[in-house]
Amino acid sequence: MLIGYARVSTSEQSLDEQMDLLGAAGAERIFLEKISTKAAKRPELVRLMEQLREGDVVIVTRFDRISRRLLDLIELVEQISAGGAGFRSLREDIDTTSSSGRLILHVMGAIAQFERDKIVERTREGLASARKRGRIGGRPPALTPEQAETCKKLLAEGESVAGIARQFRVSRSTIARLRRAEGV
């Protein structure tokens, strides 16, 4: 079965063009979604994935309708393929039911992995360079060393974590971490 997936980011946008293209491509069923790809959960995409069967082909009008990031797209296509289904994008003319389509997708995946590796490499180099200049990354401590010592004494005297947090205007988790680190 050819299964279409159409998505727009806002409720004001229309799905009509995507529906027409998917229908013309032979989609027998189309899942429609009006939600940003930034959303943690896309219910219609989840429903599509749950109903996908071996031999089905998921069709989208273009890659960014199902995923904004190449890494996410590769992962989705791998999930689709793991169930014995295929994936097809009309605009990019990629069809994983063919050997050439799978090759192109793997090449794209390799490029995406290379890009991720380069980002990690540049980040590590930048952090190492900053450390050499005496700069330490991360968030500054919420408490000065003197405040931390005072908090430890108050904890040892039996003061509550919540009370100390209010007094020093920090979160309870900051004081709780201090307590765990000191074994108080």
Protein backbone atom coordinates (compact mmCIF):
# COMPACT_ATOMS: atom_id res chain seq x y z
CA MET A 1 0.00 0.00 0.00
CA LEU A 2 1.23 3.49 -0.80
CA ILE A 3 0.84 5.66 2.31
CA GLY A 4 1.24 9.43 2.14
CA TYR A 5 2.34 11.76 4.89
CA ALA A 6 1.65 15.50 4.58
CA ARG A 7 2.59 18.11 7.15
CA VAL A 8 2.48 21.87 7.55
CA SER A 9 3.86 23.83 10.50
CA THR A 10 0.83 25.95 11.38
CA SER A 11 -2.93 25.53 11.33
CA GLU A 12 -3.22 28.51 8.94
CA GLN A 13 -1.25 26.70 6.22
CA SER A 14 -2.97 24.45 3.69
CA LEU A 15 -2.27 20.78 3.06
CA ASP A 16 -4.09 20.85 -0.30
CA GLU A 17 -1.03 20.95 -2.58
CA GLN A 18 0.67 18.07 -0.75
CA MET A 19 -2.55 16.03 -0.77
CA ASP A 20 -2.93 16.58 -4.54
CA LEU A 21 0.68 15.52 -5.22
CA LEU A 22 0.44 12.46 -2.97
CA GLY A 23 -2.88 11.45 -4.55
CA ALA A 24 -1.40 11.81 -8.04
CA ALA A 25 1.53 9.61 -6.94
CA GLY A 26 -0.95 6.88 -5.99
CA ALA A 27 -1.17 7.26 -2.21
CA GLU A 28 -4.12 5.17 -1.05
CA ARG A 29 -4.10 6.65 2.43
CA ILE A 30 -2.72 10.00 3.57
CA PHE A 31 -1.86 11.00 7.13
CA LEU A 32 -2.27 14.75 7.64
CA GLU A 33 -0.54 16.79 10.31
CA LYS A 34 -0.56 20.49 11.20
CA ILE A 35 2.34 20.66 13.62
CA SER A 36 5.94 21.85 13.64
CA THR A 37 8.72 19.28 13.27
CA LYS A 38 10.14 20.81 16.45
CA ALA A 39 7.23 19.25 18.36
CA ALA A 40 8.38 16.36 20.51
CA LYS A 41 5.53 14.16 19.31
CA ARG A 42 3.75 14.15 16.00
CA PRO A 43 0.68 11.98 16.60
CA GLU A 44 -0.14 11.32 12.95
CA LEU A 45 3.43 10.27 12.17
CA VAL A 46 3.31 7.94 15.17
CA ARG A 47 0.00 6.47 13.90
CA LEU A 48 1.50 6.01 10.43
CA MET A 49 4.52 4.19 11.85
CA GLU A 50 2.29 1.94 14.00
CA GLN A 51 0.11 0.97 11.02
CA LEU A 52 2.99 0.42 8.59
CA ARG A 53 3.21 -3.12 7.23
CA GLU A 54 5.78 -5.04 5.21
CA GLY A 55 5.63 -4.01 1.56
CA ASP A 56 4.09 -0.58 2.27
CA VAL A 57 5.78 2.54 0.91
CA VAL A 58 5.68 5.86 2.77
CA ILE A 59 5.49 8.79 0.35
CA VAL A 60 6.21 12.45 1.13
CA THR A 61 6.27 15.41 -1.24
CA ARG A 62 9.72 16.42 0.01
CA PHE A 63 12.09 15.53 2.86
CA ASP A 64 11.34 18.52 5.07
CA ARG A 65 7.70 17.45 5.39
CA ILE A 66 8.74 14.47 7.50
CA SER A 67 11.99 15.76 9.01
CA ARG A 68 13.99 19.00 9.14
CA ARG A 69 17.28 17.33 10.03
CA LEU A 70 19.01 14.79 7.81
CA LEU A 71 19.98 12.69 10.84
CA ASP A 72 16.33 12.43 11.91
CA LEU A 73 15.33 11.57 8.36
CA ILE A 74 17.89 8.77 8.17
CA GLU A 75 16.65 7.37 11.50
CA LEU A 76 13.02 7.50 10.34
CA VAL A 77 13.84 5.77 7.07
CA GLU A 78 15.77 3.09 8.98
CA GLN A 79 12.70 2.50 11.18
CA ILE A 80 10.52 2.27 8.08
CA SER A 81 12.96 -0.14 6.40
CA ALA A 82 13.28 -2.28 9.53
CA GLY A 83 9.61 -3.14 9.19
CA GLY A 84 10.05 -4.19 5.57
CA ALA A 85 8.54 -1.00 4.14
CA GLY A 86 9.98 1.55 1.75
CA PHE A 87 10.29 5.33 1.64
CA ARG A 88 9.84 7.68 -1.29
CA SER A 89 10.27 11.45 -1.61
CA LEU A 90 8.72 12.99 -4.71
CA ARG A 91 10.76 16.21 -4.97
CA GLU A 92 14.16 14.64 -4.26
CA ASP A 93 13.24 11.61 -6.39
CA ILE A 94 14.53 9.12 -3.83
CA ASP A 95 12.90 5.72 -3.50
CA THR A 96 14.41 3.24 -1.04
CA THR A 97 12.56 0.37 -2.69
CA SER A 98 15.24 0.56 -5.42
CA SER A 99 18.94 -0.16 -4.97
CA SER A 100 19.94 3.27 -6.34
CA GLY A 101 17.55 5.00 -3.90
CA ARG A 102 19.06 3.10 -0.97
CA LEU A 103 22.55 3.99 -2.19
CA ILE A 104 21.73 7.70 -2.36
CA LEU A 105 20.17 7.61 1.10
CA HIS A 106 23.25 5.85 2.52
CA VAL A 107 25.55 8.40 0.90
CA MET A 108 23.46 11.16 2.45
CA GLY A 109 23.65 9.36 5.80
CA ALA A 110 27.44 9.09 5.50
CA ILE A 111 27.66 12.81 4.75
CA ALA A 112 25.44 13.59 7.75
CA GLN A 113 27.65 11.42 9.98
CA PHE A 114 30.78 13.14 8.62
CA GLU A 115 29.20 16.52 9.40
CA ARG A 116 28.35 15.44 12.98
CA ASP A 117 31.88 14.14 13.50
CA LYS A 118 33.38 17.41 12.24
CA ILE A 119 31.16 19.43 14.59
CA VAL A 120 32.25 17.29 17.55
CA GLU A 121 35.89 17.60 16.50
CA ARG A 122 35.69 21.41 16.19
CA THR A 123 33.92 21.66 19.55
CA ARG A 124 36.59 19.59 21.30
CA GLU A 125 39.36 21.65 19.70
CA GLY A 126 37.67 24.88 20.79
CA LEU A 127 37.23 23.66 24.37
CA ALA A 128 40.86 22.49 24.56
CA SER A 129 42.04 25.85 23.23
CA ALA A 130 39.91 27.71 25.77
CA ARG A 131 41.25 25.54 28.62
CA LYS A 132 44.82 26.35 27.59
CA ARG A 133 43.95 30.03 27.97
CA GLY A 134 42.52 29.34 31.44
CA ARG A 135 38.87 29.51 30.50
CA ILE A 136 36.58 26.85 31.88
CA GLY A 137 33.26 26.33 30.18
CA GLY A 138 29.93 25.71 31.75
CA ARG A 139 27.64 27.58 34.03
CA PRO A 140 29.23 29.53 36.88
CA PRO A 141 28.71 28.05 40.35
CA ALA A 142 25.53 29.23 42.10
CA LEU A 143 27.40 29.58 45.40
CA THR A 144 30.76 31.11 46.19
CA PRO A 145 33.19 28.86 48.09
CA GLU A 146 32.42 30.82 51.29
CA GLN A 147 28.66 30.39 50.80
CA ALA A 148 29.13 26.67 50.13
CA GLU A 149 31.04 26.31 53.43
CA THR A 150 28.28 28.14 55.29
CA CYS A 151 25.68 25.85 53.68
CA LYS A 152 27.64 22.78 54.74
CA LYS A 153 27.72 24.02 58.34
CA LEU A 154 23.98 24.71 58.28
CA LEU A 155 23.30 21.25 56.88
CA ALA A 156 25.47 19.67 59.58
CA GLU A 157 23.46 21.63 62.19
CA GLY A 158 20.25 20.08 60.82
CA GLU A 159 18.88 23.03 58.83
CA SER A 160 16.49 21.96 56.06
CA VAL A 161 17.55 21.93 52.42
CA ALA A 162 14.56 24.10 51.49
CA GLY A 163 15.36 26.64 54.22
CA ILE A 164 19.01 26.95 53.17
CA ALA A 165 17.98 27.25 49.50
CA ARG A 166 15.60 30.12 50.36
CA GLN A 167 18.23 31.85 52.47
CA PHE A 168 20.85 31.74 49.67
CA ARG A 169 18.31 32.20 46.85
CA VAL A 170 19.32 29.05 44.99
CA SER A 171 17.39 25.95 44.03
CA ARG A 172 16.87 23.08 46.46
CA SER A 173 18.73 20.82 44.03
CA THR A 174 21.85 23.02 44.40
CA ILE A 175 21.84 22.45 48.16
CA ALA A 176 20.95 18.76 47.76
CA ARG A 177 23.92 18.30 45.39
CA LEU A 178 26.18 19.98 47.92
CA ARG A 179 24.85 17.67 50.65
CA ARG A 180 25.43 14.56 48.50
CA ALA A 181 28.93 15.68 47.54
CA GLU A 182 29.86 16.21 51.17
CA GLY A 183 27.97 13.21 52.53
CA VAL A 184 26.24 15.44 55.08
